[in-house]
Amino acid sequence: MSWRRLRVLIEYLPPESATWTALRNELPDEELARQAEKGEPEKGRWSQTEQLLAAISDRLASFQYVYSCSHIESKAKWPTPPEPMRRPGAKPKKAKPKLLGNRADELFQLINGGAA
């Protein structure tokens, strides 16, 4: 088998194959970030049907979240918003750091011109 034939066979493997999964998992974070910024899902490794199913799943989860928020008592704890279904090549969002009390005071002073 020639190298060209091997390359063609690998290129046309299904996106969910073990080979493509291993290649995706080995990408460095910088490359994943670059590909995520590029944002061309039509060139992704999922088929169009899989992309549409993921979008439907995300919209259904959002609808369920809005529905449950609209039917909750005013003093009850609100549910957490749903996270979108993970797509190939995209990592989950990082949690935002919480602002602690002493840092909040420093920020308040900075905004109001109290800090020099």
N, C-alpha and C. Protein backbone atom coordinates (compact mmCIF):
# COMPACT_ATOMS: atom_id res chain seq x y z
N MET A 1 0.85 -1.17 0.00
CA MET A 1 0.00 0.00 0.00
C MET A 1 0.90 1.24 0.00
N SER A 2 0.55 2.19 -0.82
CA SER A 2 1.35 3.42 -0.90
C SER A 2 0.96 4.37 0.23
N TRP A 3 1.85 5.36 0.49
CA TRP A 3 1.56 6.36 1.52
C TRP A 3 0.35 7.20 1.13
N ARG A 4 0.21 7.46 -0.16
CA ARG A 4 -0.93 8.24 -0.63
C ARG A 4 -2.24 7.50 -0.37
N ARG A 5 -2.24 6.21 -0.63
CA ARG A 5 -3.44 5.40 -0.39
C ARG A 5 -3.80 5.39 1.10
N LEU A 6 -2.79 5.26 1.95
CA LEU A 6 -3.03 5.28 3.40
C LEU A 6 -3.61 6.62 3.84
N ARG A 7 -3.05 7.73 3.31
CA ARG A 7 -3.57 9.06 3.65
C ARG A 7 -5.02 9.21 3.23
N VAL A 8 -5.36 8.76 2.05
CA VAL A 8 -6.74 8.85 1.56
C VAL A 8 -7.67 8.02 2.42
N LEU A 9 -7.24 6.83 2.82
CA LEU A 9 -8.08 5.99 3.68
C LEU A 9 -8.34 6.67 5.03
N ILE A 10 -7.32 7.27 5.60
CA ILE A 10 -7.49 7.93 6.89
C ILE A 10 -8.36 9.17 6.76
N GLU A 11 -8.18 9.94 5.69
CA GLU A 11 -8.97 11.17 5.50
C GLU A 11 -10.46 10.87 5.39
N TYR A 12 -10.82 9.75 4.83
CA TYR A 12 -12.23 9.45 4.60
C TYR A 12 -12.83 8.50 5.63
N LEU A 13 -12.12 8.33 6.75
CA LEU A 13 -12.72 7.57 7.86
C LEU A 13 -13.87 8.39 8.43
N PRO A 14 -14.86 7.73 9.04
CA PRO A 14 -15.95 8.49 9.66
C PRO A 14 -15.43 9.33 10.83
N PRO A 15 -16.06 10.46 11.11
CA PRO A 15 -15.58 11.35 12.16
C PRO A 15 -15.53 10.70 13.54
N GLU A 16 -16.39 9.73 13.79
CA GLU A 16 -16.42 9.09 15.11
C GLU A 16 -15.46 7.91 15.22
N SER A 17 -14.64 7.70 14.21
CA SER A 17 -13.70 6.58 14.24
C SER A 17 -12.65 6.78 15.33
N ALA A 18 -12.06 5.69 15.77
CA ALA A 18 -11.06 5.75 16.82
C ALA A 18 -9.84 6.56 16.37
N THR A 19 -9.50 6.49 15.10
CA THR A 19 -8.34 7.22 14.59
C THR A 19 -8.56 8.73 14.69
N TRP A 20 -9.71 9.23 14.19
CA TRP A 20 -9.98 10.66 14.26
C TRP A 20 -10.15 11.13 15.70
N THR A 21 -10.75 10.31 16.54
CA THR A 21 -10.91 10.68 17.95
C THR A 21 -9.55 10.83 18.61
N ALA A 22 -8.64 9.90 18.34
CA ALA A 22 -7.30 9.99 18.91
C ALA A 22 -6.57 11.22 18.38
N LEU A 23 -6.71 11.52 17.10
CA LEU A 23 -6.06 12.71 16.54
C LEU A 23 -6.61 13.99 17.17
N ARG A 24 -7.93 14.06 17.35
CA ARG A 24 -8.55 15.24 17.98
C ARG A 24 -8.09 15.39 19.42
N ASN A 25 -7.99 14.28 20.15
CA ASN A 25 -7.61 14.34 21.55
C ASN A 25 -6.15 14.74 21.74
N GLU A 26 -5.34 14.58 20.73
CA GLU A 26 -3.92 14.92 20.83
C GLU A 26 -3.61 16.35 20.42
N LEU A 27 -4.61 17.10 19.95
CA LEU A 27 -4.36 18.48 19.56
C LEU A 27 -4.01 19.33 20.78
N PRO A 28 -3.02 20.21 20.66
CA PRO A 28 -2.69 21.09 21.79
C PRO A 28 -3.80 22.14 21.98
N ASP A 29 -3.84 22.72 23.18
CA ASP A 29 -4.88 23.70 23.52
C ASP A 29 -4.87 24.90 22.57
N GLU A 30 -3.69 25.35 22.15
CA GLU A 30 -3.60 26.50 21.25
C GLU A 30 -4.29 26.21 19.91
N GLU A 31 -4.06 25.01 19.41
CA GLU A 31 -4.67 24.63 18.13
C GLU A 31 -6.18 24.51 18.27
N LEU A 32 -6.65 23.96 19.39
CA LEU A 32 -8.09 23.87 19.63
C LEU A 32 -8.71 25.27 19.70
N ALA A 33 -8.03 26.18 20.39
CA ALA A 33 -8.53 27.56 20.50
C ALA A 33 -8.58 28.22 19.13
N ARG A 34 -7.54 27.98 18.32
CA ARG A 34 -7.50 28.57 16.97
C ARG A 34 -8.65 28.04 16.13
N GLN A 35 -8.89 26.74 16.21
CA GLN A 35 -9.97 26.15 15.43
C GLN A 35 -11.34 26.61 15.92
N ALA A 36 -11.47 26.81 17.26
CA ALA A 36 -12.74 27.27 17.81
C ALA A 36 -13.02 28.71 17.36
N GLU A 37 -11.99 29.55 17.28
CA GLU A 37 -12.16 30.93 16.83
C GLU A 37 -12.54 30.99 15.36
N LYS A 38 -11.99 30.07 14.60
CA LYS A 38 -12.27 30.02 13.17
C LYS A 38 -13.75 29.79 12.94
N GLY A 39 -14.33 28.89 13.71
CA GLY A 39 -15.77 28.69 13.72
C GLY A 39 -16.39 28.35 12.37
N GLU A 40 -15.95 27.31 11.74
CA GLU A 40 -16.55 26.87 10.49
C GLU A 40 -17.12 25.47 10.67
N PRO A 41 -18.31 25.37 11.28
CA PRO A 41 -18.86 24.05 11.56
C PRO A 41 -19.10 23.21 10.30
N GLU A 42 -19.32 23.89 9.19
CA GLU A 42 -19.55 23.12 7.96
C GLU A 42 -18.30 22.37 7.52
N LYS A 43 -17.13 22.76 8.05
CA LYS A 43 -15.90 22.05 7.74
C LYS A 43 -15.49 21.12 8.87
N GLY A 44 -16.35 20.98 9.87
CA GLY A 44 -16.04 20.14 11.01
C GLY A 44 -16.12 18.66 10.68
N ARG A 45 -15.83 17.85 11.69
CA ARG A 45 -15.80 16.41 11.48
C ARG A 45 -17.14 15.76 11.76
N TRP A 46 -18.13 16.52 12.20
CA TRP A 46 -19.47 15.96 12.36
C TRP A 46 -20.21 16.13 11.05
N SER A 47 -21.13 15.23 10.81
CA SER A 47 -21.94 15.38 9.61
C SER A 47 -22.96 16.50 9.86
N GLN A 48 -23.59 16.96 8.80
CA GLN A 48 -24.60 18.02 8.92
C GLN A 48 -25.75 17.56 9.82
N THR A 49 -26.12 16.29 9.73
CA THR A 49 -27.19 15.76 10.57
C THR A 49 -26.81 15.81 12.04
N GLU A 50 -25.58 15.45 12.35
CA GLU A 50 -25.13 15.49 13.75
C GLU A 50 -25.09 16.92 14.27
N GLN A 51 -24.66 17.86 13.44
CA GLN A 51 -24.65 19.27 13.84
C GLN A 51 -26.08 19.76 14.12
N LEU A 52 -27.01 19.40 13.27
CA LEU A 52 -28.40 19.81 13.47
C LEU A 52 -29.00 19.18 14.72
N LEU A 53 -28.69 17.92 14.98
CA LEU A 53 -29.18 17.26 16.19
C LEU A 53 -28.62 17.92 17.44
N ALA A 54 -27.35 18.31 17.40
CA ALA A 54 -26.75 19.00 18.54
C ALA A 54 -27.42 20.36 18.76
N ALA A 55 -27.72 21.06 17.67
CA ALA A 55 -28.39 22.36 17.79
C ALA A 55 -29.80 22.19 18.37
N ILE A 56 -30.50 21.16 17.93
CA ILE A 56 -31.85 20.89 18.45
C ILE A 56 -31.77 20.55 19.94
N SER A 57 -30.79 19.76 20.31
CA SER A 57 -30.60 19.40 21.71
C SER A 57 -30.33 20.63 22.57
N ASP A 58 -29.48 21.54 22.07
CA ASP A 58 -29.18 22.77 22.81
C ASP A 58 -30.42 23.64 22.94
N ARG A 59 -31.18 23.78 21.87
CA ARG A 59 -32.39 24.61 21.93
C ARG A 59 -33.44 24.01 22.86
N LEU A 60 -33.56 22.70 22.85
CA LEU A 60 -34.53 22.05 23.73
C LEU A 60 -34.12 22.24 25.19
N ALA A 61 -32.84 22.13 25.49
CA ALA A 61 -32.36 22.36 26.85
C ALA A 61 -32.60 23.81 27.27
N SER A 62 -32.40 24.75 26.35
CA SER A 62 -32.66 26.16 26.66
C SER A 62 -34.14 26.40 26.91
N PHE A 63 -34.99 25.79 26.09
CA PHE A 63 -36.43 25.92 26.28
C PHE A 63 -36.85 25.36 27.64
N GLN A 64 -36.31 24.22 27.99
CA GLN A 64 -36.63 23.61 29.29
C GLN A 64 -36.17 24.52 30.43
N TYR A 65 -35.02 25.15 30.29
CA TYR A 65 -34.50 26.06 31.31
C TYR A 65 -35.42 27.27 31.46
N VAL A 66 -35.80 27.88 30.34
CA VAL A 66 -36.67 29.05 30.39
C VAL A 66 -38.02 28.68 30.98
N TYR A 67 -38.55 27.54 30.59
CA TYR A 67 -39.83 27.09 31.10
C TYR A 67 -39.77 26.88 32.62
N SER A 68 -38.72 26.23 33.09
CA SER A 68 -38.62 25.99 34.53
C SER A 68 -38.37 27.30 35.29
N CYS A 69 -37.65 28.24 34.69
CA CYS A 69 -37.44 29.55 35.34
C CYS A 69 -38.75 30.35 35.42
N SER A 70 -39.59 30.21 34.42
CA SER A 70 -40.84 30.97 34.42
C SER A 70 -41.88 30.36 35.37
N HIS A 71 -41.69 29.12 35.78
CA HIS A 71 -42.64 28.46 36.67
C HIS A 71 -42.06 28.23 38.07
N ILE A 72 -41.09 29.03 38.44
CA ILE A 72 -40.47 28.85 39.74
C ILE A 72 -40.97 29.96 40.67
N GLU A 73 -41.05 29.65 41.95
CA GLU A 73 -41.47 30.66 42.90
C GLU A 73 -40.38 31.71 43.03
N SER A 74 -40.76 32.92 43.40
CA SER A 74 -39.82 34.04 43.39
C SER A 74 -38.65 33.85 44.35
N LYS A 75 -38.84 33.16 45.48
CA LYS A 75 -37.77 33.01 46.45
C LYS A 75 -37.03 31.68 46.32
N ALA A 76 -37.42 30.87 45.39
CA ALA A 76 -36.77 29.57 45.22
C ALA A 76 -35.44 29.75 44.48
N LYS A 77 -34.57 28.78 44.62
CA LYS A 77 -33.27 28.83 43.95
C LYS A 77 -33.46 28.55 42.46
N TRP A 78 -32.85 29.39 41.64
CA TRP A 78 -32.97 29.23 40.20
C TRP A 78 -32.09 28.08 39.73
N PRO A 79 -32.54 27.36 38.73
CA PRO A 79 -31.69 26.28 38.20
C PRO A 79 -30.50 26.84 37.43
N THR A 80 -29.49 26.03 37.29
CA THR A 80 -28.32 26.47 36.52
C THR A 80 -28.63 26.37 35.03
N PRO A 81 -28.17 27.34 34.25
CA PRO A 81 -28.43 27.29 32.81
C PRO A 81 -27.75 26.08 32.18
N PRO A 82 -28.34 25.53 31.14
CA PRO A 82 -27.73 24.35 30.51
C PRO A 82 -26.49 24.71 29.72
N GLU A 83 -25.55 23.78 29.68
CA GLU A 83 -24.36 23.96 28.86
C GLU A 83 -24.63 23.36 27.49
N PRO A 84 -24.11 23.99 26.44
CA PRO A 84 -24.31 23.43 25.10
C PRO A 84 -23.62 22.07 24.96
N MET A 85 -24.14 21.26 24.08
CA MET A 85 -23.53 19.97 23.80
C MET A 85 -22.14 20.20 23.24
N ARG A 86 -21.19 19.42 23.71
CA ARG A 86 -19.81 19.60 23.24
C ARG A 86 -19.68 19.17 21.79
N ARG A 87 -19.01 20.02 21.05
CA ARG A 87 -18.74 19.73 19.64
C ARG A 87 -17.29 19.29 19.51
N PRO A 88 -16.96 18.62 18.41
CA PRO A 88 -15.58 18.21 18.21
C PRO A 88 -14.65 19.42 18.16
N GLY A 89 -13.54 19.32 18.85
CA GLY A 89 -12.55 20.37 18.82
C GLY A 89 -12.82 21.54 19.74
N ALA A 90 -13.88 21.50 20.52
CA ALA A 90 -14.19 22.60 21.44
C ALA A 90 -14.16 22.08 22.87
N LYS A 91 -13.45 22.81 23.72
CA LYS A 91 -13.38 22.41 25.12
C LYS A 91 -14.49 23.12 25.89
N PRO A 92 -14.88 22.56 27.04
CA PRO A 92 -15.92 23.23 27.83
C PRO A 92 -15.44 24.58 28.34
N LYS A 93 -16.39 25.49 28.56
CA LYS A 93 -16.03 26.82 29.05
C LYS A 93 -15.47 26.73 30.45
N LYS A 94 -14.51 27.59 30.72
CA LYS A 94 -13.92 27.64 32.05
C LYS A 94 -14.86 28.41 32.97
N ALA A 95 -14.90 28.00 34.23
CA ALA A 95 -15.73 28.70 35.21
C ALA A 95 -15.12 30.07 35.48
N LYS A 96 -15.99 31.08 35.59
CA LYS A 96 -15.52 32.42 35.88
C LYS A 96 -15.10 32.49 37.34
N PRO A 97 -13.97 33.14 37.62
CA PRO A 97 -13.54 33.25 39.01
C PRO A 97 -14.49 34.17 39.78
N LYS A 98 -14.78 33.77 41.02
CA LYS A 98 -15.67 34.57 41.85
C LYS A 98 -14.87 35.69 42.51
N LEU A 99 -15.51 36.84 42.66
CA LEU A 99 -14.88 37.99 43.27
C LEU A 99 -15.08 37.90 44.77
N LEU A 100 -13.98 37.76 45.50
CA LEU A 100 -14.04 37.66 46.95
C LEU A 100 -14.29 39.03 47.56
N GLY A 101 -14.72 39.05 48.82
CA GLY A 101 -15.11 40.28 49.50
C GLY A 101 -14.03 41.35 49.52
N ASN A 102 -12.80 40.99 49.89
CA ASN A 102 -11.75 42.01 49.97
C ASN A 102 -11.38 42.53 48.59
N ARG A 103 -11.39 41.70 47.57
CA ARG A 103 -11.10 42.14 46.20
C ARG A 103 -12.24 43.02 45.69
N ALA A 104 -13.47 42.72 46.11
CA ALA A 104 -14.61 43.54 45.70
C ALA A 104 -14.48 44.94 46.28
N ASP A 105 -14.02 45.03 47.53
CA ASP A 105 -13.83 46.35 48.15
C ASP A 105 -12.75 47.14 47.42
N GLU A 106 -11.65 46.47 47.07
CA GLU A 106 -10.58 47.14 46.33
C GLU A 106 -11.08 47.65 44.99
N LEU A 107 -11.86 46.83 44.32
CA LEU A 107 -12.41 47.22 43.02
C LEU A 107 -13.35 48.41 43.18
N PHE A 108 -14.17 48.40 44.23
CA PHE A 108 -15.10 49.50 44.48
C PHE A 108 -14.33 50.80 44.71
N GLN A 109 -13.25 50.72 45.48
CA GLN A 109 -12.44 51.90 45.74
C GLN A 109 -11.76 52.40 44.46
N LEU A 110 -11.29 51.46 43.65
CA LEU A 110 -10.65 51.84 42.39
C LEU A 110 -11.63 52.56 41.47
N ILE A 111 -12.83 52.04 41.38
CA ILE A 111 -13.84 52.63 40.50
C ILE A 111 -14.22 54.02 40.97
N ASN A 112 -14.32 54.21 42.28
CA ASN A 112 -14.74 55.49 42.83
C ASN A 112 -13.57 56.45 43.07
N GLY A 113 -12.40 56.10 42.63
CA GLY A 113 -11.26 57.00 42.71
C GLY A 113 -10.61 57.06 44.07
N GLY A 114 -10.91 56.11 44.96
CA GLY A 114 -10.34 56.12 46.30
C GLY A 114 -8.95 55.56 46.37
N ALA A 115 -8.54 54.76 45.39
CA ALA A 115 -7.19 54.15 45.42
C ALA A 115 -6.25 54.98 44.58
N ALA A 116 -5.04 55.10 45.03
CA ALA A 116 -4.07 55.89 44.26
C ALA A 116 -3.03 54.99 43.65
